[in-house]
Structure formats: structure tokens, C-alpha cells
Amino acid sequence: LGQSAAITVGDNATLLNGRVLSAAAVTLSNN
């Protein structure tokens, strides 16, 4: 739960059973 800044999910990173929420940008790369 990003409060005020961007979230970057690196190349081939895996997020299992979760969510990515942000008041700013969320950047995904082959995830």
C-alpha cells in the first residue's frame, strides 16, 4: 500500500497473492 510514491516491480519479479496499490505510479516489467 504505497502512500505517496511510485512502486517499481523489477524484471521477472513475482508478486504472489498480493496487490500493488499506490497514490503514484506503478511500473511493471515482465511480472
mmCIF file of all heavy atoms, coordinates in Angstrom:
data_MODEL
# 
_entry.id   MODEL 
# 
loop_
_atom_site.group_PDB 
_atom_site.id 
_atom_site.type_symbol 
_atom_site.label_atom_id 
_atom_site.label_alt_id 
_atom_site.label_comp_id 
_atom_site.label_asym_id 
_atom_site.label_entity_id 
_atom_site.label_seq_id 
_atom_site.pdbx_PDB_ins_code 
_atom_site.Cartn_x 
_atom_site.Cartn_y 
_atom_site.Cartn_z 
_atom_site.occupancy 
_atom_site.B_iso_or_equiv 
_atom_site.pdbx_formal_charge 
_atom_site.auth_seq_id 
_atom_site.auth_comp_id 
_atom_site.auth_asym_id 
_atom_site.auth_atom_id 
_atom_site.pdbx_PDB_model_num 
ATOM 1   N N   . LEU A 1 1  ? 0.863  -1.182  0.000   1.00 0.00 ? 1  LEU A N   1 
ATOM 2   C CA  . LEU A 1 1  ? 0.000  0.000   0.000   1.00 0.00 ? 1  LEU A CA  1 
ATOM 3   C C   . LEU A 1 1  ? 0.893  1.224   0.000   1.00 0.00 ? 1  LEU A C   1 
ATOM 4   O O   . LEU A 1 1  ? 1.231  1.767   1.059   1.00 0.00 ? 1  LEU A O   1 
ATOM 5   C CB  . LEU A 1 1  ? -0.914 0.001   1.231   1.00 0.00 ? 1  LEU A CB  1 
ATOM 6   C CG  . LEU A 1 1  ? -1.786 -1.249  1.430   1.00 0.00 ? 1  LEU A CG  1 
ATOM 7   C CD1 . LEU A 1 1  ? -2.573 -1.143  2.722   1.00 0.00 ? 1  LEU A CD1 1 
ATOM 8   C CD2 . LEU A 1 1  ? -2.708 -1.450  0.242   1.00 0.00 ? 1  LEU A CD2 1 
ATOM 9   N N   . GLY A 1 2  ? 1.317  1.648   -1.171  1.00 0.00 ? 2  GLY A N   1 
ATOM 10  C CA  . GLY A 1 2  ? 2.192  2.809   -1.293  1.00 0.00 ? 2  GLY A CA  1 
ATOM 11  C C   . GLY A 1 2  ? 1.423  4.073   -0.962  1.00 0.00 ? 2  GLY A C   1 
ATOM 12  O O   . GLY A 1 2  ? 0.366  4.324   -1.526  1.00 0.00 ? 2  GLY A O   1 
ATOM 13  N N   . GLN A 1 3  ? 1.951  4.864   -0.037  1.00 0.00 ? 3  GLN A N   1 
ATOM 14  C CA  . GLN A 1 3  ? 1.202  6.032   0.409   1.00 0.00 ? 3  GLN A CA  1 
ATOM 15  C C   . GLN A 1 3  ? 1.344  7.226   -0.514  1.00 0.00 ? 3  GLN A C   1 
ATOM 16  O O   . GLN A 1 3  ? 0.366  7.904   -0.787  1.00 0.00 ? 3  GLN A O   1 
ATOM 17  C CB  . GLN A 1 3  ? 1.615  6.397   1.824   1.00 0.00 ? 3  GLN A CB  1 
ATOM 18  C CG  . GLN A 1 3  ? 1.162  5.346   2.810   1.00 0.00 ? 3  GLN A CG  1 
ATOM 19  C CD  . GLN A 1 3  ? 1.249  5.820   4.240   1.00 0.00 ? 3  GLN A CD  1 
ATOM 20  O OE1 . GLN A 1 3  ? 1.807  6.859   4.535   1.00 0.00 ? 3  GLN A OE1 1 
ATOM 21  N NE2 . GLN A 1 3  ? 0.715  5.041   5.140   1.00 0.00 ? 3  GLN A NE2 1 
ATOM 22  N N   . SER A 1 4  ? 2.542  7.520   -0.978  1.00 0.00 ? 4  SER A N   1 
ATOM 23  C CA  . SER A 1 4  ? 2.680  8.748   -1.762  1.00 0.00 ? 4  SER A CA  1 
ATOM 24  C C   . SER A 1 4  ? 3.777  8.687   -2.810  1.00 0.00 ? 4  SER A C   1 
ATOM 25  O O   . SER A 1 4  ? 4.122  9.711   -3.379  1.00 0.00 ? 4  SER A O   1 
ATOM 26  C CB  . SER A 1 4  ? 2.943  9.930   -0.825  1.00 0.00 ? 4  SER A CB  1 
ATOM 27  O OG  . SER A 1 4  ? 4.136  9.705   -0.100  1.00 0.00 ? 4  SER A OG  1 
ATOM 28  N N   . ALA A 1 5  ? 4.324  7.527   -3.064  1.00 0.00 ? 5  ALA A N   1 
ATOM 29  C CA  . ALA A 1 5  ? 5.439  7.433   -4.004  1.00 0.00 ? 5  ALA A CA  1 
ATOM 30  C C   . ALA A 1 5  ? 5.253  6.231   -4.934  1.00 0.00 ? 5  ALA A C   1 
ATOM 31  O O   . ALA A 1 5  ? 4.453  5.340   -4.672  1.00 0.00 ? 5  ALA A O   1 
ATOM 32  C CB  . ALA A 1 5  ? 6.757  7.315   -3.240  1.00 0.00 ? 5  ALA A CB  1 
ATOM 33  N N   . ALA A 1 6  ? 6.020  6.218   -6.000  1.00 0.00 ? 6  ALA A N   1 
ATOM 34  C CA  . ALA A 1 6  ? 5.917  5.193   -7.029  1.00 0.00 ? 6  ALA A CA  1 
ATOM 35  C C   . ALA A 1 6  ? 6.399  3.831   -6.543  1.00 0.00 ? 6  ALA A C   1 
ATOM 36  O O   . ALA A 1 6  ? 7.215  3.725   -5.635  1.00 0.00 ? 6  ALA A O   1 
ATOM 37  C CB  . ALA A 1 6  ? 6.733  5.617   -8.247  1.00 0.00 ? 6  ALA A CB  1 
ATOM 38  N N   . ILE A 1 7  ? 5.865  2.795   -7.195  1.00 0.00 ? 7  ILE A N   1 
ATOM 39  C CA  . ILE A 1 7  ? 6.265  1.412   -6.939  1.00 0.00 ? 7  ILE A CA  1 
ATOM 40  C C   . ILE A 1 7  ? 6.788  0.848   -8.253  1.00 0.00 ? 7  ILE A C   1 
ATOM 41  O O   . ILE A 1 7  ? 6.111  0.930   -9.281  1.00 0.00 ? 7  ILE A O   1 
ATOM 42  C CB  . ILE A 1 7  ? 5.083  0.566   -6.429  1.00 0.00 ? 7  ILE A CB  1 
ATOM 43  C CG1 . ILE A 1 7  ? 4.568  1.120   -5.100  1.00 0.00 ? 7  ILE A CG1 1 
ATOM 44  C CG2 . ILE A 1 7  ? 5.492  -0.898  -6.299  1.00 0.00 ? 7  ILE A CG2 1 
ATOM 45  C CD1 . ILE A 1 7  ? 3.287  0.466   -4.615  1.00 0.00 ? 7  ILE A CD1 1 
ATOM 46  N N   . THR A 1 8  ? 7.987  0.271   -8.223  1.00 0.00 ? 8  THR A N   1 
ATOM 47  C CA  . THR A 1 8  ? 8.578  -0.360  -9.395  1.00 0.00 ? 8  THR A CA  1 
ATOM 48  C C   . THR A 1 8  ? 8.789  -1.834  -9.091  1.00 0.00 ? 8  THR A C   1 
ATOM 49  O O   . THR A 1 8  ? 9.441  -2.181  -8.109  1.00 0.00 ? 8  THR A O   1 
ATOM 50  C CB  . THR A 1 8  ? 9.929  0.288   -9.751  1.00 0.00 ? 8  THR A CB  1 
ATOM 51  O OG1 . THR A 1 8  ? 9.710  1.683   -9.988  1.00 0.00 ? 8  THR A OG1 1 
ATOM 52  C CG2 . THR A 1 8  ? 10.538 -0.355  -10.981 1.00 0.00 ? 8  THR A CG2 1 
ATOM 53  N N   . VAL A 1 9  ? 8.229  -2.682  -9.936  1.00 0.00 ? 9  VAL A N   1 
ATOM 54  C CA  . VAL A 1 9  ? 8.377  -4.126  -9.784  1.00 0.00 ? 9  VAL A CA  1 
ATOM 55  C C   . VAL A 1 9  ? 9.361  -4.576  -10.855 1.00 0.00 ? 9  VAL A C   1 
ATOM 56  O O   . VAL A 1 9  ? 9.070  -4.492  -12.048 1.00 0.00 ? 9  VAL A O   1 
ATOM 57  C CB  . VAL A 1 9  ? 7.023  -4.848  -9.910  1.00 0.00 ? 9  VAL A CB  1 
ATOM 58  C CG1 . VAL A 1 9  ? 7.187  -6.348  -9.694  1.00 0.00 ? 9  VAL A CG1 1 
ATOM 59  C CG2 . VAL A 1 9  ? 6.013  -4.273  -8.904  1.00 0.00 ? 9  VAL A CG2 1 
ATOM 60  N N   . GLY A 1 10 ? 10.543 -5.019  -10.426 1.00 0.00 ? 10 GLY A N   1 
ATOM 61  C CA  . GLY A 1 10 ? 11.635 -5.341  -11.331 1.00 0.00 ? 10 GLY A CA  1 
ATOM 62  C C   . GLY A 1 10 ? 11.345 -6.479  -12.290 1.00 0.00 ? 10 GLY A C   1 
ATOM 63  O O   . GLY A 1 10 ? 10.398 -7.252  -12.112 1.00 0.00 ? 10 GLY A O   1 
ATOM 64  N N   . ASP A 1 11 ? 12.184 -6.602  -13.292 1.00 0.00 ? 11 ASP A N   1 
ATOM 65  C CA  . ASP A 1 11 ? 12.046 -7.590  -14.348 1.00 0.00 ? 11 ASP A CA  1 
ATOM 66  C C   . ASP A 1 11 ? 11.919 -8.997  -13.778 1.00 0.00 ? 11 ASP A C   1 
ATOM 67  O O   . ASP A 1 11 ? 12.751 -9.448  -12.991 1.00 0.00 ? 11 ASP A O   1 
ATOM 68  C CB  . ASP A 1 11 ? 13.256 -7.502  -15.290 1.00 0.00 ? 11 ASP A CB  1 
ATOM 69  C CG  . ASP A 1 11 ? 13.020 -8.231  -16.581 1.00 0.00 ? 11 ASP A CG  1 
ATOM 70  O OD1 . ASP A 1 11 ? 11.917 -8.096  -17.150 1.00 0.00 ? 11 ASP A OD1 1 
ATOM 71  O OD2 . ASP A 1 11 ? 13.935 -8.943  -17.030 1.00 0.00 ? 11 ASP A OD2 1 
ATOM 72  N N   . ASN A 1 12 ? 10.842 -9.675  -14.161 1.00 0.00 ? 12 ASN A N   1 
ATOM 73  C CA  . ASN A 1 12 ? 10.563 -11.056 -13.762 1.00 0.00 ? 12 ASN A CA  1 
ATOM 74  C C   . ASN A 1 12 ? 10.347 -11.240 -12.261 1.00 0.00 ? 12 ASN A C   1 
ATOM 75  O O   . ASN A 1 12 ? 10.380 -12.370 -11.773 1.00 0.00 ? 12 ASN A O   1 
ATOM 76  C CB  . ASN A 1 12 ? 11.649 -12.012 -14.258 1.00 0.00 ? 12 ASN A CB  1 
ATOM 77  C CG  . ASN A 1 12 ? 11.607 -12.155 -15.757 1.00 0.00 ? 12 ASN A CG  1 
ATOM 78  O OD1 . ASN A 1 12 ? 10.540 -12.291 -16.352 1.00 0.00 ? 12 ASN A OD1 1 
ATOM 79  N ND2 . ASN A 1 12 ? 12.763 -12.084 -16.386 1.00 0.00 ? 12 ASN A ND2 1 
ATOM 80  N N   . ALA A 1 13 ? 10.140 -10.176 -11.511 1.00 0.00 ? 13 ALA A N   1 
ATOM 81  C CA  . ALA A 1 13 ? 9.781  -10.330 -10.102 1.00 0.00 ? 13 ALA A CA  1 
ATOM 82  C C   . ALA A 1 13 ? 8.364  -10.889 -10.033 1.00 0.00 ? 13 ALA A C   1 
ATOM 83  O O   . ALA A 1 13 ? 7.523  -10.610 -10.886 1.00 0.00 ? 13 ALA A O   1 
ATOM 84  C CB  . ALA A 1 13 ? 9.855  -8.996  -9.365  1.00 0.00 ? 13 ALA A CB  1 
ATOM 85  N N   . THR A 1 14 ? 8.106  -11.696 -9.024  1.00 0.00 ? 14 THR A N   1 
ATOM 86  C CA  . THR A 1 14 ? 6.805  -12.341 -8.872  1.00 0.00 ? 14 THR A CA  1 
ATOM 87  C C   . THR A 1 14 ? 6.162  -11.858 -7.583  1.00 0.00 ? 14 THR A C   1 
ATOM 88  O O   . THR A 1 14 ? 6.777  -11.908 -6.514  1.00 0.00 ? 14 THR A O   1 
ATOM 89  C CB  . THR A 1 14 ? 6.974  -13.879 -8.808  1.00 0.00 ? 14 THR A CB  1 
ATOM 90  O OG1 . THR A 1 14 ? 7.646  -14.309 -9.985  1.00 0.00 ? 14 THR A OG1 1 
ATOM 91  C CG2 . THR A 1 14 ? 5.641  -14.571 -8.718  1.00 0.00 ? 14 THR A CG2 1 
ATOM 92  N N   . LEU A 1 15 ? 4.923  -11.404 -7.676  1.00 0.00 ? 15 LEU A N   1 
ATOM 93  C CA  . LEU A 1 15 ? 4.156  -10.990 -6.510  1.00 0.00 ? 15 LEU A CA  1 
ATOM 94  C C   . LEU A 1 15 ? 3.060  -12.027 -6.337  1.00 0.00 ? 15 LEU A C   1 
ATOM 95  O O   . LEU A 1 15 ? 2.148  -12.114 -7.154  1.00 0.00 ? 15 LEU A O   1 
ATOM 96  C CB  . LEU A 1 15 ? 3.569  -9.592  -6.707  1.00 0.00 ? 15 LEU A CB  1 
ATOM 97  C CG  . LEU A 1 15 ? 2.775  -9.035  -5.549  1.00 0.00 ? 15 LEU A CG  1 
ATOM 98  C CD1 . LEU A 1 15 ? 3.694  -8.782  -4.350  1.00 0.00 ? 15 LEU A CD1 1 
ATOM 99  C CD2 . LEU A 1 15 ? 2.079  -7.745  -5.941  1.00 0.00 ? 15 LEU A CD2 1 
ATOM 100 N N   . LEU A 1 16 ? 3.170  -12.833 -5.289  1.00 0.00 ? 16 LEU A N   1 
ATOM 101 C CA  . LEU A 1 16 ? 2.228  -13.924 -5.077  1.00 0.00 ? 16 LEU A CA  1 
ATOM 102 C C   . LEU A 1 16 ? 1.169  -13.548 -4.063  1.00 0.00 ? 16 LEU A C   1 
ATOM 103 O O   . LEU A 1 16 ? 1.483  -13.128 -2.952  1.00 0.00 ? 16 LEU A O   1 
ATOM 104 C CB  . LEU A 1 16 ? 2.966  -15.181 -4.605  1.00 0.00 ? 16 LEU A CB  1 
ATOM 105 C CG  . LEU A 1 16 ? 4.004  -15.721 -5.588  1.00 0.00 ? 16 LEU A CG  1 
ATOM 106 C CD1 . LEU A 1 16 ? 4.777  -16.858 -4.968  1.00 0.00 ? 16 LEU A CD1 1 
ATOM 107 C CD2 . LEU A 1 16 ? 3.328  -16.169 -6.867  1.00 0.00 ? 16 LEU A CD2 1 
ATOM 108 N N   . ASN A 1 17 ? -0.088 -13.730 -4.469  1.00 0.00 ? 17 ASN A N   1 
ATOM 109 C CA  . ASN A 1 17 ? -1.227 -13.478 -3.585  1.00 0.00 ? 17 ASN A CA  1 
ATOM 110 C C   . ASN A 1 17 ? -1.196 -12.097 -2.971  1.00 0.00 ? 17 ASN A C   1 
ATOM 111 O O   . ASN A 1 17 ? -1.358 -11.939 -1.770  1.00 0.00 ? 17 ASN A O   1 
ATOM 112 C CB  . ASN A 1 17 ? -1.311 -14.544 -2.497  1.00 0.00 ? 17 ASN A CB  1 
ATOM 113 C CG  . ASN A 1 17 ? -1.582 -15.906 -3.082  1.00 0.00 ? 17 ASN A CG  1 
ATOM 114 O OD1 . ASN A 1 17 ? -2.323 -16.032 -4.037  1.00 0.00 ? 17 ASN A OD1 1 
ATOM 115 N ND2 . ASN A 1 17 ? -0.968 -16.920 -2.513  1.00 0.00 ? 17 ASN A ND2 1 
ATOM 116 N N   . GLY A 1 18 ? -0.983 -11.098 -3.794  1.00 0.00 ? 18 GLY A N   1 
ATOM 117 C CA  . GLY A 1 18 ? -0.938 -9.748  -3.267  1.00 0.00 ? 18 GLY A CA  1 
ATOM 118 C C   . GLY A 1 18 ? -1.446 -8.723  -4.257  1.00 0.00 ? 18 GLY A C   1 
ATOM 119 O O   . GLY A 1 18 ? -1.843 -9.041  -5.375  1.00 0.00 ? 18 GLY A O   1 
ATOM 120 N N   . ARG A 1 19 ? -1.419 -7.490  -3.805  1.00 0.00 ? 19 ARG A N   1 
ATOM 121 C CA  . ARG A 1 19 ? -1.827 -6.364  -4.632  1.00 0.00 ? 19 ARG A CA  1 
ATOM 122 C C   . ARG A 1 19 ? -0.770 -5.281  -4.533  1.00 0.00 ? 19 ARG A C   1 
ATOM 123 O O   . ARG A 1 19 ? -0.059 -5.194  -3.541  1.00 0.00 ? 19 ARG A O   1 
ATOM 124 C CB  . ARG A 1 19 ? -3.159 -5.825  -4.142  1.00 0.00 ? 19 ARG A CB  1 
ATOM 125 C CG  . ARG A 1 19 ? -4.307 -6.794  -4.374  1.00 0.00 ? 19 ARG A CG  1 
ATOM 126 C CD  . ARG A 1 19 ? -5.597 -6.245  -3.793  1.00 0.00 ? 19 ARG A CD  1 
ATOM 127 N NE  . ARG A 1 19 ? -6.731 -7.064  -4.151  1.00 0.00 ? 19 ARG A NE  1 
ATOM 128 C CZ  . ARG A 1 19 ? -7.067 -8.189  -3.531  1.00 0.00 ? 19 ARG A CZ  1 
ATOM 129 N NH1 . ARG A 1 19 ? -6.345 -8.619  -2.518  1.00 0.00 ? 19 ARG A NH1 1 
ATOM 130 N NH2 . ARG A 1 19 ? -8.106 -8.876  -3.914  1.00 0.00 ? 19 ARG A NH2 1 
ATOM 131 N N   . VAL A 1 20 ? -0.714 -4.445  -5.562  1.00 0.00 ? 20 VAL A N   1 
ATOM 132 C CA  . VAL A 1 20 ? 0.208  -3.309  -5.571  1.00 0.00 ? 20 VAL A CA  1 
ATOM 133 C C   . VAL A 1 20 ? -0.654 -2.065  -5.765  1.00 0.00 ? 20 VAL A C   1 
ATOM 134 O O   . VAL A 1 20 ? -1.190 -1.842  -6.839  1.00 0.00 ? 20 VAL A O   1 
ATOM 135 C CB  . VAL A 1 20 ? 1.248  -3.433  -6.706  1.00 0.00 ? 20 VAL A CB  1 
ATOM 136 C CG1 . VAL A 1 20 ? 2.192  -2.255  -6.697  1.00 0.00 ? 20 VAL A CG1 1 
ATOM 137 C CG2 . VAL A 1 20 ? 2.007  -4.737  -6.590  1.00 0.00 ? 20 VAL A CG2 1 
ATOM 138 N N   . LEU A 1 21 ? -0.796 -1.284  -4.713  1.00 0.00 ? 21 LEU A N   1 
ATOM 139 C CA  . LEU A 1 21 ? -1.627 -0.085  -4.749  1.00 0.00 ? 21 LEU A CA  1 
ATOM 140 C C   . LEU A 1 21 ? -0.779 1.123   -4.383  1.00 0.00 ? 21 LEU A C   1 
ATOM 141 O O   . LEU A 1 21 ? -0.001 1.072   -3.438  1.00 0.00 ? 21 LEU A O   1 
ATOM 142 C CB  . LEU A 1 21 ? -2.783 -0.227  -3.756  1.00 0.00 ? 21 LEU A CB  1 
ATOM 143 C CG  . LEU A 1 21 ? -3.647 -1.479  -3.916  1.00 0.00 ? 21 LEU A CG  1 
ATOM 144 C CD1 . LEU A 1 21 ? -4.571 -1.640  -2.729  1.00 0.00 ? 21 LEU A CD1 1 
ATOM 145 C CD2 . LEU A 1 21 ? -4.430 -1.425  -5.203  1.00 0.00 ? 21 LEU A CD2 1 
ATOM 146 N N   . SER A 1 22 ? -0.945 2.207   -5.139  1.00 0.00 ? 22 SER A N   1 
ATOM 147 C CA  . SER A 1 22 ? -0.135 3.394   -4.875  1.00 0.00 ? 22 SER A CA  1 
ATOM 148 C C   . SER A 1 22 ? -0.907 4.649   -5.235  1.00 0.00 ? 22 SER A C   1 
ATOM 149 O O   . SER A 1 22 ? -1.726 4.642   -6.159  1.00 0.00 ? 22 SER A O   1 
ATOM 150 C CB  . SER A 1 22 ? 1.154  3.333   -5.693  1.00 0.00 ? 22 SER A CB  1 
ATOM 151 O OG  . SER A 1 22 ? 1.901  4.519   -5.523  1.00 0.00 ? 22 SER A OG  1 
ATOM 152 N N   . ALA A 1 23 ? -0.623 5.721   -4.514  1.00 0.00 ? 23 ALA A N   1 
ATOM 153 C CA  . ALA A 1 23 ? -1.184 7.026   -4.854  1.00 0.00 ? 23 ALA A CA  1 
ATOM 154 C C   . ALA A 1 23 ? -0.403 7.631   -6.019  1.00 0.00 ? 23 ALA A C   1 
ATOM 155 O O   . ALA A 1 23 ? -0.781 8.668   -6.545  1.00 0.00 ? 23 ALA A O   1 
ATOM 156 C CB  . ALA A 1 23 ? -1.123 7.950   -3.641  1.00 0.00 ? 23 ALA A CB  1 
ATOM 157 N N   . ALA A 1 24 ? 0.687  6.987   -6.420  1.00 0.00 ? 24 ALA A N   1 
ATOM 158 C CA  . ALA A 1 24 ? 1.511  7.433   -7.547  1.00 0.00 ? 24 ALA A CA  1 
ATOM 159 C C   . ALA A 1 24 ? 1.551  6.302   -8.584  1.00 0.00 ? 24 ALA A C   1 
ATOM 160 O O   . ALA A 1 24 ? 0.702  5.431   -8.584  1.00 0.00 ? 24 ALA A O   1 
ATOM 161 C CB  . ALA A 1 24 ? 2.914  7.794   -7.057  1.00 0.00 ? 24 ALA A CB  1 
ATOM 162 N N   . ALA A 1 25 ? 2.564  6.284   -9.416  1.00 0.00 ? 25 ALA A N   1 
ATOM 163 C CA  . ALA A 1 25 ? 2.678  5.297   -10.498 1.00 0.00 ? 25 ALA A CA  1 
ATOM 164 C C   . ALA A 1 25 ? 3.088  3.920   -9.987  1.00 0.00 ? 25 ALA A C   1 
ATOM 165 O O   . ALA A 1 25 ? 3.805  3.794   -9.003  1.00 0.00 ? 25 ALA A O   1 
ATOM 166 C CB  . ALA A 1 25 ? 3.706  5.778   -11.512 1.00 0.00 ? 25 ALA A CB  1 
ATOM 167 N N   . VAL A 1 26 ? 2.629  2.889   -10.704 1.00 0.00 ? 26 VAL A N   1 
ATOM 168 C CA  . VAL A 1 26 ? 3.092  1.519   -10.503 1.00 0.00 ? 26 VAL A CA  1 
ATOM 169 C C   . VAL A 1 26 ? 3.662  1.065   -11.835 1.00 0.00 ? 26 VAL A C   1 
ATOM 170 O O   . VAL A 1 26 ? 2.975  1.092   -12.851 1.00 0.00 ? 26 VAL A O   1 
ATOM 171 C CB  . VAL A 1 26 ? 1.948  0.576   -10.069 1.00 0.00 ? 26 VAL A CB  1 
ATOM 172 C CG1 . VAL A 1 26 ? 2.440  -0.855  -10.003 1.00 0.00 ? 26 VAL A CG1 1 
ATOM 173 C CG2 . VAL A 1 26 ? 1.364  1.008   -8.731  1.00 0.00 ? 26 VAL A CG2 1 
ATOM 174 N N   . THR A 1 27 ? 4.942  0.665   -11.835 1.00 0.00 ? 27 THR A N   1 
ATOM 175 C CA  . THR A 1 27 ? 5.613  0.239   -13.061 1.00 0.00 ? 27 THR A CA  1 
ATOM 176 C C   . THR A 1 27 ? 5.907  -1.252  -12.974 1.00 0.00 ? 27 THR A C   1 
ATOM 177 O O   . THR A 1 27 ? 6.559  -1.701  -12.026 1.00 0.00 ? 27 THR A O   1 
ATOM 178 C CB  . THR A 1 27 ? 6.928  1.022   -13.259 1.00 0.00 ? 27 THR A CB  1 
ATOM 179 O OG1 . THR A 1 27 ? 6.625  2.417   -13.278 1.00 0.00 ? 27 THR A OG1 1 
ATOM 180 C CG2 . THR A 1 27 ? 7.611  0.624   -14.553 1.00 0.00 ? 27 THR A CG2 1 
ATOM 181 N N   . LEU A 1 28 ? 5.452  -2.004  -13.971 1.00 0.00 ? 28 LEU A N   1 
ATOM 182 C CA  . LEU A 1 28 ? 5.665  -3.447  -14.024 1.00 0.00 ? 28 LEU A CA  1 
ATOM 183 C C   . LEU A 1 28 ? 6.560  -3.773  -15.212 1.00 0.00 ? 28 LEU A C   1 
ATOM 184 O O   . LEU A 1 28 ? 6.510  -3.099  -16.237 1.00 0.00 ? 28 LEU A O   1 
ATOM 185 C CB  . LEU A 1 28 ? 4.338  -4.178  -14.175 1.00 0.00 ? 28 LEU A CB  1 
ATOM 186 C CG  . LEU A 1 28 ? 3.276  -3.889  -13.126 1.00 0.00 ? 28 LEU A CG  1 
ATOM 187 C CD1 . LEU A 1 28 ? 1.960  -4.564  -13.505 1.00 0.00 ? 28 LEU A CD1 1 
ATOM 188 C CD2 . LEU A 1 28 ? 3.738  -4.365  -11.765 1.00 0.00 ? 28 LEU A CD2 1 
ATOM 189 N N   . SER A 1 29 ? 7.356  -4.857  -15.077 1.00 0.00 ? 29 SER A N   1 
ATOM 190 C CA  . SER A 1 29 ? 8.243  -5.273  -16.155 1.00 0.00 ? 29 SER A CA  1 
ATOM 191 C C   . SER A 1 29 ? 8.312  -6.797  -16.204 1.00 0.00 ? 29 SER A C   1 
ATOM 192 O O   . SER A 1 29 ? 9.024  -7.411  -15.426 1.00 0.00 ? 29 SER A O   1 
ATOM 193 C CB  . SER A 1 29 ? 9.635  -4.688  -15.926 1.00 0.00 ? 29 SER A CB  1 
ATOM 194 O OG  . SER A 1 29 ? 10.525 -5.119  -16.918 1.00 0.00 ? 29 SER A OG  1 
ATOM 195 N N   . ASN A 1 30 ? 7.532  -7.392  -17.105 1.00 0.00 ? 30 ASN A N   1 
ATOM 196 C CA  . ASN A 1 30 ? 7.531  -8.862  -17.256 1.00 0.00 ? 30 ASN A CA  1 
ATOM 197 C C   . ASN A 1 30 ? 7.231  -9.552  -15.940 1.00 0.00 ? 30 ASN A C   1 
ATOM 198 O O   . ASN A 1 30 ? 7.979  -10.421 -15.510 1.00 0.00 ? 30 ASN A O   1 
ATOM 199 C CB  . ASN A 1 30 ? 8.866  -9.352  -17.807 1.00 0.00 ? 30 ASN A CB  1 
ATOM 200 C CG  . ASN A 1 30 ? 9.164  -8.795  -19.163 1.00 0.00 ? 30 ASN A CG  1 
ATOM 201 O OD1 . ASN A 1 30 ? 8.285  -8.754  -20.017 1.00 0.00 ? 30 ASN A OD1 1 
ATOM 202 N ND2 . ASN A 1 30 ? 10.385 -8.338  -19.371 1.00 0.00 ? 30 ASN A ND2 1 
ATOM 203 N N   . ASN A 1 31 ? 6.145  -9.190  -15.279 1.00 0.00 ? 31 ASN A N   1 
ATOM 204 C CA  . ASN A 1 31 ? 5.863  -9.690  -13.939 1.00 0.00 ? 31 ASN A CA  1 
ATOM 205 C C   . ASN A 1 31 ? 4.645  -10.604 -13.912 1.00 0.00 ? 31 ASN A C   1 
ATOM 206 O O   . ASN A 1 31 ? 3.742  -10.490 -14.715 1.00 0.00 ? 31 ASN A O   1 
ATOM 207 C CB  . ASN A 1 31 ? 5.611  -8.521  -12.976 1.00 0.00 ? 31 ASN A CB  1 
ATOM 208 C CG  . ASN A 1 31 ? 6.719  -7.529  -13.013 1.00 0.00 ? 31 ASN A CG  1 
ATOM 209 O OD1 . ASN A 1 31 ? 6.539  -6.412  -13.461 1.00 0.00 ? 31 ASN A OD1 1 
ATOM 210 N ND2 . ASN A 1 31 ? 7.895  -7.923  -12.570 1.00 0.00 ? 31 ASN A ND2 1 
# 
